[in-house]
């Protein structure tokens, strides 16, 4: 989740994506990806019993730095359309 345009914490105003990618370290973070920009909730346990079920999202583990690059590449691609 990314919050923008908020005065929630004044000391965090300079925390843009570049700042965070430099300071978050190389730890792995869970990110959910969707091919169609829709994120629907489903229960893993219940879905296991459905043979035809195709999960609408997939879970991946990436660094925050890679997450920022992914966001920036998506923004660039959407602005070129």
Protein backbone atom coordinates (compact mmCIF):
# COMPACT_ATOMS: atom_id res chain seq x y z
CA UNK A 1 0.00 0.00 0.00
CA UNK A 2 1.28 3.44 -0.89
CA UNK A 3 -0.19 6.54 0.71
CA UNK A 4 0.00 9.87 -1.10
CA UNK A 5 -1.13 13.43 -0.36
CA UNK A 6 -1.48 12.93 3.38
CA UNK A 7 -0.29 14.82 6.45
CA UNK A 8 -0.38 11.65 8.52
CA UNK A 9 3.26 11.96 9.61
CA UNK A 10 4.99 15.24 8.83
CA UNK A 11 8.49 13.79 9.20
CA UNK A 12 7.77 11.32 6.40
CA UNK A 13 7.02 13.93 3.71
CA UNK A 14 10.32 13.22 1.96
CA UNK A 15 9.61 9.46 1.81
CA UNK A 16 9.11 9.08 -1.91
CA UNK A 17 9.73 5.81 -3.77
CA UNK A 18 13.38 6.66 -4.46
CA UNK A 19 14.05 7.46 -0.79
CA UNK A 20 12.33 4.28 0.40
CA UNK A 21 14.11 2.06 -2.13
CA UNK A 22 17.45 3.39 -0.84
CA UNK A 23 16.52 2.84 2.82
CA UNK A 24 14.38 -0.32 2.92
CA UNK A 25 17.31 -2.70 2.54
CA UNK A 26 17.42 -5.88 0.53
CA UNK A 27 14.76 -7.80 2.44
CA UNK A 28 12.08 -9.69 0.58
CA UNK A 29 8.49 -8.44 0.58
CA UNK A 30 5.29 -10.18 -0.46
CA UNK A 31 3.55 -8.59 -3.44
CA UNK A 32 0.34 -9.71 -5.10
CA UNK A 33 0.22 -9.41 -8.88
CA UNK A 34 -2.81 -9.40 -11.13
CA UNK A 35 -2.84 -9.57 -14.91
CA UNK A 36 -5.97 -7.43 -15.18
CA UNK A 37 -5.47 -4.83 -12.41
CA UNK A 38 -8.23 -6.40 -10.31
CA UNK A 39 -7.44 -7.82 -6.90
CA UNK A 40 -10.16 -10.17 -5.74
CA UNK A 41 -10.05 -11.89 -2.37
CA UNK A 42 -10.30 -15.66 -2.24
CA UNK A 43 -9.62 -18.29 0.39
CA UNK A 44 -6.66 -20.54 -0.42
CA UNK A 45 -8.12 -23.32 1.70
CA UNK A 46 -11.53 -23.27 0.02
CA UNK A 47 -10.07 -22.85 -3.46
CA UNK A 48 -7.97 -26.02 -3.11
CA UNK A 49 -11.15 -28.11 -3.31
CA UNK A 50 -12.20 -26.52 -6.62
CA UNK A 51 -10.61 -28.29 -9.58
CA UNK A 52 -11.33 -25.56 -12.14
CA UNK A 53 -10.40 -22.58 -9.97
CA UNK A 54 -7.81 -20.20 -11.41
CA UNK A 55 -6.49 -17.72 -8.81
CA UNK A 56 -7.09 -14.10 -9.91
CA UNK A 57 -3.77 -13.04 -8.37
CA UNK A 58 -0.39 -14.56 -7.69
CA UNK A 59 1.94 -13.98 -4.80
CA UNK A 60 5.58 -13.12 -5.44
CA UNK A 61 8.50 -12.25 -3.17
CA UNK A 62 10.61 -9.30 -4.35
CA UNK A 63 12.84 -6.61 -2.89
CA UNK A 64 11.43 -3.15 -2.40
CA UNK A 65 13.89 -1.84 -4.98
CA UNK A 66 12.50 -4.30 -7.56
CA UNK A 67 8.97 -3.29 -6.56
CA UNK A 68 9.78 0.36 -7.27
CA UNK A 69 11.23 -0.55 -10.67
CA UNK A 70 8.07 -2.53 -11.43
CA UNK A 71 5.86 0.44 -10.50
CA UNK A 72 7.93 2.85 -12.57
CA UNK A 73 7.89 0.57 -15.62
CA UNK A 74 4.09 0.19 -15.35
CA UNK A 75 3.68 3.98 -15.04
CA UNK A 76 5.89 4.52 -18.08
CA UNK A 77 3.99 1.95 -20.14
CA UNK A 78 0.59 3.37 -19.20
CA UNK A 79 1.66 6.94 -20.04
CA UNK A 80 2.82 5.81 -23.49
CA UNK A 81 -0.64 4.55 -24.41
